[in-house]
C-alpha cells in the first residue's frame, strides 16, 4: 500500500527561517564536531527508518515544540 505524500508547498506560511539560520544549521550539520556527527547520524537513521511524510511530521513537530518552549 502506498501513501500519498503530504504536500509541503501549499497553504499559509507559519514559520519563517532566515538565511543566517539556515547557514548556521548547515554549518553545524557539516562541521567536524561531536554535535555535527550526532546530527548526521540521527538524520541517517531517520532517513532509513522514516518515510518522507514521517520525516516532515517530525521536523514540523520539533520546530513547533521549540517555538512553544522558547526562552526568548
Protein backbone atom coordinates (compact mmCIF):
# COMPACT_ATOMS: atom_id res chain seq x y z
CA UNK A 1 0.00 0.00 0.00
CA UNK A 2 1.39 3.39 -0.98
CA UNK A 3 0.52 6.54 0.93
CA UNK A 4 0.02 9.81 -0.89
CA UNK A 5 2.84 12.23 0.05
CA UNK A 6 1.93 15.26 2.12
CA UNK A 7 2.10 18.44 0.03
CA UNK A 8 4.67 20.58 1.81
CA UNK A 9 4.42 23.51 -0.61
CA UNK A 10 0.84 24.71 -0.25
CA UNK A 11 -1.00 26.67 2.35
CA UNK A 12 -0.38 29.65 4.56
CA UNK A 13 3.15 30.26 5.84
CA UNK A 14 3.54 29.57 9.54
CA UNK A 15 7.27 29.80 10.29
CA UNK A 16 9.97 31.81 8.58
CA UNK A 17 13.65 30.90 8.57
CA UNK A 18 16.21 33.45 7.51
CA UNK A 19 19.32 32.68 5.51
CA UNK A 20 21.58 33.11 8.55
CA UNK A 21 19.64 30.46 10.47
CA UNK A 22 19.85 28.04 7.55
CA UNK A 23 23.57 28.72 7.12
CA UNK A 24 24.23 28.12 10.81
CA UNK A 25 22.22 24.88 10.80
CA UNK A 26 24.06 23.67 7.70
CA UNK A 27 27.40 24.59 9.28
CA UNK A 28 26.61 22.66 12.47
CA UNK A 29 25.41 19.68 10.41
CA UNK A 30 28.60 19.53 8.33
CA UNK A 31 31.25 20.52 10.86
CA UNK A 32 33.70 18.02 12.30
CA UNK A 33 32.40 18.03 15.88
CA UNK A 34 30.55 15.77 18.29
CA UNK A 35 27.34 17.71 17.61
CA UNK A 36 27.79 17.52 13.85
CA UNK A 37 28.37 13.76 13.98
CA UNK A 38 25.39 13.24 16.29
CA UNK A 39 23.12 15.22 13.97
CA UNK A 40 24.37 13.43 10.83
CA UNK A 41 23.91 10.04 12.50
CA UNK A 42 20.37 10.89 13.57
CA UNK A 43 19.46 12.20 10.11
CA UNK A 44 20.82 9.00 8.54
CA UNK A 45 18.76 6.89 10.95
CA UNK A 46 15.61 8.93 10.30
CA UNK A 47 16.10 8.73 6.53
CA UNK A 48 16.49 4.97 6.79
CA UNK A 49 13.62 4.27 9.18
CA UNK A 50 11.04 7.03 8.49
CA UNK A 51 9.02 7.71 5.39
CA UNK A 52 9.23 11.17 3.86
CA UNK A 53 5.90 12.06 5.48
CA UNK A 54 7.14 10.87 8.88
CA UNK A 55 10.34 12.90 8.49
CA UNK A 56 8.33 16.02 7.60
CA UNK A 57 5.97 15.48 10.52
CA UNK A 58 8.88 15.12 12.91
CA UNK A 59 10.58 18.24 11.54
CA UNK A 60 7.43 20.35 11.86
CA UNK A 61 6.69 18.95 15.31
CA UNK A 62 10.20 19.73 16.55
CA UNK A 63 10.04 23.28 15.20
CA UNK A 64 6.63 23.83 16.77
CA UNK A 65 7.83 22.43 20.09
CA UNK A 66 10.94 24.62 20.03
CA UNK A 67 8.81 27.66 19.23
CA UNK A 68 6.38 26.92 22.08
CA UNK A 69 9.13 26.30 24.63
CA UNK A 70 11.43 29.15 23.57
CA UNK A 71 13.02 31.11 26.38
CA UNK A 72 13.15 34.25 24.22
